[in-house]
Amino acid sequence: MRESFRVGERDVLAVLRETRIDMIADLLKRLSAGKITARNLDGIRRSKFKGMKGALGALGAALTSVGEAGMGHVTDELDRQEMD
């Protein structure tokens, strides 16, 4: 069971790491295109990056996978408790 949690944590962290890399790349692309100025800095801070929808989908899939594995472990443990 602990291994499943470690794998789940690793999967979620991998998605978050990729999202961070994508966010930085998006900011650097905006910066090199001259779209970031002192006047619009506050708006840039609040804006979504271009890959936000895909990143949220990947994170949701990873979290769902971890949750399903956890539910399976709980079910197995309950079944084992009933047998004892």
Protein backbone atom coordinates (compact mmCIF):
# COMPACT_ATOMS: atom_id res chain seq x y z
CA MET A 1 0.00 0.00 0.00
CA ARG A 2 2.82 2.40 0.83
CA GLU A 3 4.35 1.76 -2.57
CA SER A 4 1.08 2.78 -4.24
CA PHE A 5 1.10 6.06 -2.34
CA ARG A 6 4.70 6.69 -3.33
CA VAL A 7 3.89 5.96 -6.97
CA GLY A 8 0.83 8.21 -6.78
CA GLU A 9 2.82 11.00 -5.20
CA ARG A 10 5.51 10.63 -7.85
CA ASP A 11 2.92 10.77 -10.64
CA VAL A 12 1.25 13.90 -9.25
CA LEU A 13 4.60 15.61 -8.68
CA ALA A 14 5.67 14.78 -12.24
CA VAL A 15 2.54 16.46 -13.61
CA LEU A 16 3.09 19.50 -11.39
CA ARG A 17 6.76 19.68 -12.44
CA GLU A 18 5.80 19.60 -16.12
CA THR A 19 3.16 22.26 -15.51
CA ARG A 20 5.73 24.49 -13.83
CA ILE A 21 8.12 24.05 -16.76
CA ASP A 22 5.32 24.91 -19.20
CA MET A 23 4.35 27.99 -17.19
CA ILE A 24 7.93 29.28 -17.17
CA ALA A 25 8.24 28.64 -20.91
CA ASP A 26 5.01 30.57 -21.50
CA LEU A 27 6.29 33.52 -19.45
CA LEU A 28 9.62 33.52 -21.26
CA LYS A 29 7.83 33.41 -24.61
CA ARG A 30 5.68 36.39 -23.61
CA LEU A 31 8.75 38.23 -22.38
CA SER A 32 10.71 37.65 -25.58
CA ALA A 33 7.70 38.79 -27.63
CA GLY A 34 7.66 42.05 -25.68
CA LYS A 35 4.22 41.39 -24.20
CA ILE A 36 5.36 41.95 -20.62
CA THR A 37 5.79 45.55 -19.51
CA ALA A 38 5.82 47.34 -16.19
CA ARG A 39 2.28 48.55 -16.86
CA ASN A 40 0.73 45.13 -17.48
CA LEU A 41 2.76 43.17 -14.93
CA ASP A 42 -0.17 42.85 -12.51
CA GLY A 43 -2.43 41.55 -15.28
CA ILE A 44 0.21 39.04 -16.39
CA ARG A 45 0.43 37.77 -12.82
CA ARG A 46 -3.28 36.94 -12.81
CA SER A 47 -3.51 35.60 -16.35
CA LYS A 48 -3.73 31.91 -17.16
CA PHE A 49 -0.98 30.38 -19.21
CA LYS A 50 -1.80 28.85 -22.57
CA GLY A 51 -1.52 25.23 -21.41
CA MET A 52 -3.70 25.65 -18.32
CA LYS A 53 -6.59 23.51 -19.56
CA GLY A 54 -4.32 20.62 -20.50
CA ALA A 55 -2.36 20.90 -17.26
CA LEU A 56 -5.54 20.77 -15.19
CA GLY A 57 -6.71 17.75 -17.18
CA ALA A 58 -3.42 15.92 -16.60
CA LEU A 59 -3.46 16.77 -12.90
CA GLY A 60 -7.07 15.63 -12.59
CA ALA A 61 -6.23 12.34 -14.30
CA ALA A 62 -3.26 11.76 -11.97
CA LEU A 63 -5.30 12.56 -8.87
CA THR A 64 -8.17 10.35 -10.03
CA SER A 65 -5.75 7.49 -10.60
CA VAL A 66 -4.29 7.91 -7.10
CA GLY A 67 -7.79 8.09 -5.60
CA GLU A 68 -8.93 4.95 -7.40
CA ALA A 69 -5.86 3.05 -6.24
CA GLY A 70 -6.53 4.22 -2.68
CA MET A 71 -10.15 3.12 -2.85
CA GLY A 72 -9.00 -0.28 -4.07
CA HIS A 73 -6.67 -0.61 -1.09
CA VAL A 74 -9.44 0.37 1.32
CA THR A 75 -11.79 -2.19 -0.25
CA ASP A 76 -9.11 -4.89 0.01
CA GLU A 77 -8.47 -4.01 3.66
CA LEU A 78 -12.20 -4.09 4.48
CA ASP A 79 -12.55 -7.46 2.79
CA ARG A 80 -9.60 -8.77 4.77
CA GLN A 81 -11.11 -7.46 8.02
CA GLU A 82 -14.37 -9.28 7.28
CA MET A 83 -12.50 -12.55 6.78
CA ASP A 84 -10.72 -12.28 10.16
